[in-house]
N, C-alpha and C. Protein backbone atom coordinates (compact mmCIF):
# COMPACT_ATOMS: atom_id res chain seq x y z
N MET A 1 -6.54 -24.50 28.06
CA MET A 1 -5.77 -23.36 27.90
C MET A 1 -4.57 -23.07 28.85
N ILE A 2 -5.12 -23.58 30.13
CA ILE A 2 -4.11 -23.26 31.39
C ILE A 2 -3.02 -24.54 30.66
N ARG A 3 -3.21 -25.45 30.20
CA ARG A 3 -2.27 -26.69 29.90
C ARG A 3 -1.18 -25.98 28.75
N HIS A 4 -1.81 -25.49 27.72
CA HIS A 4 -0.98 -24.79 26.85
C HIS A 4 -0.27 -23.90 27.17
N ALA A 5 -0.35 -23.00 28.30
CA ALA A 5 0.49 -22.02 28.99
C ALA A 5 1.46 -22.68 29.55
N LEU A 6 1.10 -23.74 30.53
CA LEU A 6 2.22 -24.42 31.30
C LEU A 6 3.39 -25.28 30.54
N ILE A 7 2.73 -25.59 29.52
CA ILE A 7 3.68 -26.22 28.43
C ILE A 7 4.63 -25.29 27.74
N PHE A 8 4.29 -23.99 27.31
CA PHE A 8 4.94 -22.67 27.00
C PHE A 8 5.94 -22.33 27.78
N TRP A 9 5.46 -22.37 29.11
CA TRP A 9 6.37 -21.74 30.18
C TRP A 9 7.42 -22.94 30.51
N ILE A 10 7.04 -24.00 30.56
CA ILE A 10 8.07 -25.25 30.91
C ILE A 10 9.17 -25.19 29.75
N SER A 11 8.63 -25.18 28.35
CA SER A 11 9.46 -24.93 27.30
C SER A 11 10.39 -23.75 27.25
N THR A 12 9.98 -22.76 27.54
CA THR A 12 10.89 -21.42 27.80
C THR A 12 11.59 -21.60 28.91
N ALA A 13 11.62 -22.10 29.72
CA ALA A 13 12.27 -22.29 31.02
C ALA A 13 13.54 -23.33 30.83
N LEU A 14 13.14 -24.11 30.03
CA LEU A 14 14.15 -25.34 29.67
C LEU A 14 15.26 -24.63 28.49
N ALA A 15 14.64 -23.89 27.51
CA ALA A 15 15.31 -23.00 26.69
C ALA A 15 16.38 -22.37 27.35
N VAL A 16 16.06 -21.46 28.33
CA VAL A 16 16.38 -20.45 29.15
C VAL A 16 17.57 -21.34 29.87
N TRP A 17 17.42 -22.33 30.52
CA TRP A 17 18.30 -23.25 31.26
C TRP A 17 19.53 -23.90 30.51
N GLY A 18 19.32 -24.30 29.04
CA GLY A 18 19.92 -24.86 28.15
C GLY A 18 20.96 -23.60 27.94
N LEU A 19 20.52 -22.48 27.47
CA LEU A 19 21.23 -21.45 27.20
C LEU A 19 22.27 -21.02 28.44
N VAL A 20 21.91 -21.09 29.54
CA VAL A 20 23.01 -20.63 30.56
C VAL A 20 23.89 -21.61 30.70
N LEU A 21 23.46 -23.03 30.60
CA LEU A 21 24.54 -23.84 30.62
C LEU A 21 25.60 -24.05 29.59
N ASP A 22 24.96 -23.53 28.14
CA ASP A 22 25.92 -23.44 27.22
C ASP A 22 26.71 -22.36 27.33
N ILE A 23 26.33 -21.23 27.77
CA ILE A 23 27.10 -20.05 28.03
C ILE A 23 28.31 -20.39 29.16
N MET A 24 27.85 -21.09 30.07
CA MET A 24 28.90 -21.56 31.31
C MET A 24 30.17 -22.30 30.91
N ALA A 25 29.52 -23.40 29.63
CA ALA A 25 30.69 -24.49 29.12
C ALA A 25 31.35 -23.79 28.24
N ARG A 26 30.92 -22.98 27.45
CA ARG A 26 31.74 -22.42 26.22
C ARG A 26 32.05 -20.93 26.23
N GLY A 27 31.47 -20.23 27.13
CA GLY A 27 31.70 -18.81 27.29
C GLY A 27 30.97 -18.10 26.35
N LEU A 28 31.32 -16.83 25.83
CA LEU A 28 30.64 -16.07 25.21
C LEU A 28 30.54 -16.53 23.37
N ALA A 29 31.44 -17.67 23.25
CA ALA A 29 31.59 -18.08 22.11
C ALA A 29 30.11 -18.77 21.64
N ALA A 30 29.39 -19.29 22.73
CA ALA A 30 27.93 -19.91 22.52
C ALA A 30 27.10 -18.93 21.95
N LEU A 31 27.28 -17.67 22.20
CA LEU A 31 26.31 -16.67 21.41
C LEU A 31 26.57 -16.51 20.06
N SER A 32 27.67 -17.09 19.43
CA SER A 32 27.81 -16.85 18.10
C SER A 32 26.64 -17.55 17.07
N PHE A 33 26.24 -18.59 17.75
CA PHE A 33 25.04 -19.60 17.32
C PHE A 33 23.73 -18.55 17.11
N PHE A 34 23.60 -17.61 17.78
CA PHE A 34 22.46 -16.88 17.64
C PHE A 34 22.36 -15.71 16.81
N ILE A 35 23.57 -15.21 16.26
CA ILE A 35 23.76 -14.16 15.22
C ILE A 35 22.89 -14.14 14.23
N PHE A 36 22.88 -15.36 13.59
CA PHE A 36 22.15 -15.66 12.03
C PHE A 36 20.99 -15.46 12.68
N PRO A 37 20.18 -16.42 13.35
CA PRO A 37 18.65 -16.12 13.56
C PRO A 37 18.26 -14.87 13.93
N LEU A 38 19.27 -14.10 14.87
CA LEU A 38 18.61 -12.61 15.06
C LEU A 38 18.63 -11.83 13.92
N ILE A 39 19.74 -12.09 12.87
CA ILE A 39 19.81 -11.21 11.96
C ILE A 39 18.34 -11.30 10.91
N LEU A 40 18.26 -12.72 10.76
CA LEU A 40 16.86 -13.30 10.09
C LEU A 40 15.74 -12.82 10.60
N LEU A 41 15.50 -12.90 12.06
CA LEU A 41 14.25 -12.08 12.79
C LEU A 41 14.27 -10.85 12.51
N GLY A 42 15.40 -9.96 12.67
CA GLY A 42 15.31 -8.72 12.20
C GLY A 42 14.90 -8.33 10.88
N LEU A 43 15.03 -9.04 9.71
CA LEU A 43 14.82 -8.94 8.43
C LEU A 43 13.25 -9.01 8.27
N LEU A 44 12.92 -10.11 8.66
CA LEU A 44 11.53 -10.48 8.78
C LEU A 44 10.80 -9.41 9.34
N TYR A 45 11.23 -8.81 10.68
CA TYR A 45 10.26 -7.65 11.44
C TYR A 45 10.27 -6.63 10.20
N TYR A 46 11.55 -6.36 9.69
CA TYR A 46 11.59 -5.00 8.90
C TYR A 46 10.73 -5.28 7.63
N ALA A 47 10.64 -6.47 6.88
CA ALA A 47 9.85 -6.93 5.82
C ALA A 47 8.21 -6.76 6.05
N TYR A 48 7.79 -7.13 7.10
CA TYR A 48 6.65 -7.11 7.41
C TYR A 48 5.83 -5.92 8.29
N LYS A 49 6.82 -5.32 8.98
CA LYS A 49 6.28 -4.19 9.78
C LYS A 49 6.60 -2.77 8.91
N ILE A 50 7.82 -2.91 8.88
CA ILE A 50 8.01 -1.24 8.37
C ILE A 50 7.92 -1.19 6.84
N ALA A 51 8.45 -2.23 5.83
CA ALA A 51 8.61 -1.96 4.32
C ALA A 51 7.07 -1.68 3.83
N PRO A 52 5.91 -2.31 4.21
CA PRO A 52 4.75 -2.10 3.67
C PRO A 52 4.46 -0.70 3.67
N GLY A 53 4.60 -0.07 5.00
CA GLY A 53 4.10 1.40 5.22
C GLY A 53 5.01 2.29 4.22
N ARG A 54 5.86 1.83 3.85
CA ARG A 54 6.81 2.71 2.92
C ARG A 54 6.26 2.53 1.59
N MET A 55 6.28 1.18 1.03
CA MET A 55 5.69 1.02 -0.21
C MET A 55 4.13 1.62 -0.50
N GLY A 56 3.25 1.21 0.24
CA GLY A 56 1.97 1.66 0.07
C GLY A 56 1.60 3.08 0.36
N GLY A 57 2.49 4.08 0.24
CA GLY A 57 2.01 5.52 0.21
C GLY A 57 1.91 5.97 1.61
N GLY A 58 3.09 5.83 2.46
CA GLY A 58 3.22 6.01 4.08
C GLY A 58 2.91 7.65 3.74
N PRO A 59 3.47 8.19 5.11
CA PRO A 59 3.43 9.50 5.16
C PRO A 59 4.34 10.19 4.34
N GLY A 60 4.05 11.30 3.74
CA GLY A 60 4.54 11.90 2.62
C GLY A 60 4.25 11.49 1.22
N ARG A 61 3.58 10.40 1.07
CA ARG A 61 3.19 10.00 -0.25
C ARG A 61 1.87 9.53 -0.26
N PRO A 62 0.79 10.12 -0.80
CA PRO A 62 -0.75 10.11 -0.61
C PRO A 62 -0.75 8.59 -1.70
N ARG A 63 -1.77 7.91 -1.09
CA ARG A 63 -2.50 6.64 -1.57
C ARG A 63 -3.15 7.04 -2.75
N THR A 64 -3.23 6.05 -3.78
CA THR A 64 -4.07 6.49 -4.92
C THR A 64 -5.48 6.10 -4.53
N LYS A 65 -6.43 7.19 -4.81
CA LYS A 65 -7.79 7.06 -4.43
C LYS A 65 -8.49 6.46 -5.79
N VAL A 66 -9.43 5.13 -5.52
CA VAL A 66 -10.02 4.83 -6.65
C VAL A 66 -11.64 5.24 -6.57
N LYS A 67 -11.94 5.85 -7.69
CA LYS A 67 -13.43 6.43 -7.69
C LYS A 67 -14.47 5.25 -7.74
N PRO A 68 -15.45 5.39 -6.73
CA PRO A 68 -16.46 4.08 -6.83
C PRO A 68 -17.42 4.35 -8.29
N SER A 69 -17.79 3.18 -8.81
CA SER A 69 -18.75 3.39 -10.12
C SER A 69 -20.05 3.94 -9.65
N ALA A 70 -20.82 4.24 -10.82
CA ALA A 70 -22.27 4.98 -10.39
C ALA A 70 -22.83 3.65 -9.89
N LYS A 71 -22.66 2.54 -10.45
CA LYS A 71 -23.64 1.39 -10.11
C LYS A 71 -23.37 1.08 -8.59
N THR A 72 -22.03 1.12 -8.26
CA THR A 72 -21.65 0.97 -6.67
C THR A 72 -22.24 2.01 -5.86
N MET A 73 -22.32 3.12 -6.18
CA MET A 73 -22.79 3.96 -5.38
C MET A 73 -24.43 4.14 -5.22
N SER A 74 -25.00 3.59 -6.39
CA SER A 74 -26.45 3.41 -6.26
C SER A 74 -26.79 2.24 -5.52
N LYS A 75 -25.99 1.29 -5.40
CA LYS A 75 -26.41 0.16 -4.39
C LYS A 75 -26.03 0.77 -2.92
N VAL A 76 -24.89 1.54 -2.77
CA VAL A 76 -24.63 1.85 -1.48
C VAL A 76 -25.78 2.86 -0.99
N ALA A 77 -26.37 3.88 -1.93
CA ALA A 77 -27.44 4.84 -1.62
C ALA A 77 -28.53 3.97 -1.32
N GLY A 78 -28.92 2.82 -2.06
CA GLY A 78 -30.13 2.00 -1.67
C GLY A 78 -30.24 1.39 -0.17
N ILE A 79 -28.95 1.09 0.02
CA ILE A 79 -28.60 0.11 1.33
C ILE A 79 -28.78 1.35 2.47
N ARG A 80 -28.41 2.43 2.18
CA ARG A 80 -28.49 3.54 3.14
C ARG A 80 -30.06 3.90 3.15
N LYS A 81 -30.81 3.91 2.62
CA LYS A 81 -32.21 4.42 2.47
C LYS A 81 -32.98 3.24 2.99
N THR A 82 -32.60 2.09 2.99
CA THR A 82 -33.65 0.83 3.74
C THR A 82 -33.13 0.69 5.26
N THR A 83 -31.95 1.03 5.64
CA THR A 83 -31.71 1.05 6.96
C THR A 83 -32.09 2.60 7.73
N GLY A 84 -33.25 2.54 7.83
CA GLY A 84 -33.85 3.81 8.39
C GLY A 84 -33.97 3.43 9.90
N SER A 85 -35.21 4.11 10.23
CA SER A 85 -35.33 4.06 11.76
C SER A 85 -35.58 2.68 12.40
N PRO A 86 -34.97 2.52 13.44
CA PRO A 86 -34.94 1.04 14.03
C PRO A 86 -36.31 0.57 14.51
N GLY A 87 -37.20 1.93 14.73
CA GLY A 87 -38.62 1.48 15.31
C GLY A 87 -39.41 0.70 14.53
N LYS A 88 -39.36 0.94 13.13
CA LYS A 88 -40.23 0.20 12.32
C LYS A 88 -40.00 -1.24 12.23
N ARG A 89 -40.96 -1.96 11.79
CA ARG A 89 -40.87 -3.41 11.51
C ARG A 89 -40.43 -3.39 9.95
N LYS A 90 -39.68 -4.34 9.98
CA LYS A 90 -39.39 -4.62 8.45
C LYS A 90 -40.40 -5.54 7.82
N SER A 91 -40.58 -5.28 6.59
CA SER A 91 -41.46 -6.08 5.90
C SER A 91 -40.76 -7.33 4.86
N TYR A 92 -41.22 -8.38 5.28
CA TYR A 92 -40.67 -9.59 4.78
C TYR A 92 -41.32 -10.07 3.46
N PRO A 93 -40.83 -10.79 2.57
CA PRO A 93 -41.82 -11.31 1.47
C PRO A 93 -42.47 -12.68 1.81
N PHE A 94 -42.41 -12.87 3.06
CA PHE A 94 -42.85 -14.39 3.50
C PHE A 94 -44.03 -14.19 4.09
N GLN A 95 -45.08 -15.17 3.97
CA GLN A 95 -46.39 -15.19 4.97
C GLN A 95 -46.79 -16.35 5.16
N VAL A 96 -47.41 -16.58 6.23
CA VAL A 96 -47.74 -17.79 6.79
C VAL A 96 -49.12 -18.40 6.14
N ILE A 97 -49.08 -19.47 5.69
CA ILE A 97 -50.12 -20.11 4.91
C ILE A 97 -50.60 -21.33 6.15
N GLU A 98 -52.01 -21.12 6.40
CA GLU A 98 -52.64 -21.97 7.11
C GLU A 98 -52.91 -23.04 6.87
N GLY A 99 -52.84 -24.10 7.56
CA GLY A 99 -52.87 -25.60 6.91
C GLY A 99 -54.47 -25.96 6.81
N SER A 100 -54.82 -27.13 5.99
CA SER A 100 -56.15 -27.40 5.76
C SER A 100 -56.74 -28.16 6.71
N LYS A 101 -55.63 -28.79 7.85
CA LYS A 101 -56.07 -29.64 8.72
C LYS A 101 -56.63 -28.92 10.05
N GLY A 102 -57.70 -29.34 10.60
CA GLY A 102 -58.18 -28.71 11.79
C GLY A 102 -57.22 -29.02 12.78
N LYS A 103 -57.21 -27.74 13.74
CA LYS A 103 -56.42 -27.95 14.88
C LYS A 103 -56.88 -28.52 16.05
N ASN A 104 -56.19 -29.72 16.59
CA ASN A 104 -56.69 -30.38 17.94
C ASN A 104 -55.81 -29.92 18.83
N ASP A 105 -56.42 -29.18 20.03
CA ASP A 105 -55.87 -28.66 21.13
C ASP A 105 -55.28 -29.98 22.06
N ASP A 106 -55.97 -31.23 21.90
CA ASP A 106 -55.60 -32.38 22.54
C ASP A 106 -54.30 -33.08 22.24
N GLN A 107 -54.06 -33.04 20.95
CA GLN A 107 -52.79 -33.70 20.21
C GLN A 107 -51.70 -32.90 20.37
N LEU A 108 -51.80 -31.80 20.60
CA LEU A 108 -50.46 -30.89 20.74
C LEU A 108 -49.61 -31.29 21.88
N PRO A 109 -48.57 -31.29 21.95
CA PRO A 109 -47.79 -31.49 23.15
C PRO A 109 -47.66 -30.43 23.97
N LYS A 110 -47.77 -30.75 25.45
CA LYS A 110 -47.62 -29.69 26.29
C LYS A 110 -46.29 -28.71 26.56
N TYR A 111 -45.54 -29.43 26.09
CA TYR A 111 -43.99 -28.83 26.24
C TYR A 111 -43.47 -29.05 24.73
N HIS A 112 -43.17 -27.85 24.17
CA HIS A 112 -42.53 -27.96 22.86
C HIS A 112 -41.53 -26.74 22.57
């Protein structure tokens, strides 16, 4: 994790250093190369953060609600009934069947 952070900060420092050297060499004309990427990033931010809130019925426009079917509601009601008090033991459909071999305590491993 530290190695990834180190690589990130080194590459960020080198990018800033390159930007500073480019601005010193060509002046503010070097910033013209950043106009298109900044516009593209702004459009992507708008598309992913702002636009879905407006399309999906944001403030002022209620969202369409879907009424669940009776079958779905019966399933939900069944689940709610079974998740009762946490103090009771759950009953599982499994049972332990004892084997026909006799148990010999001498053959059992001491640590298992």
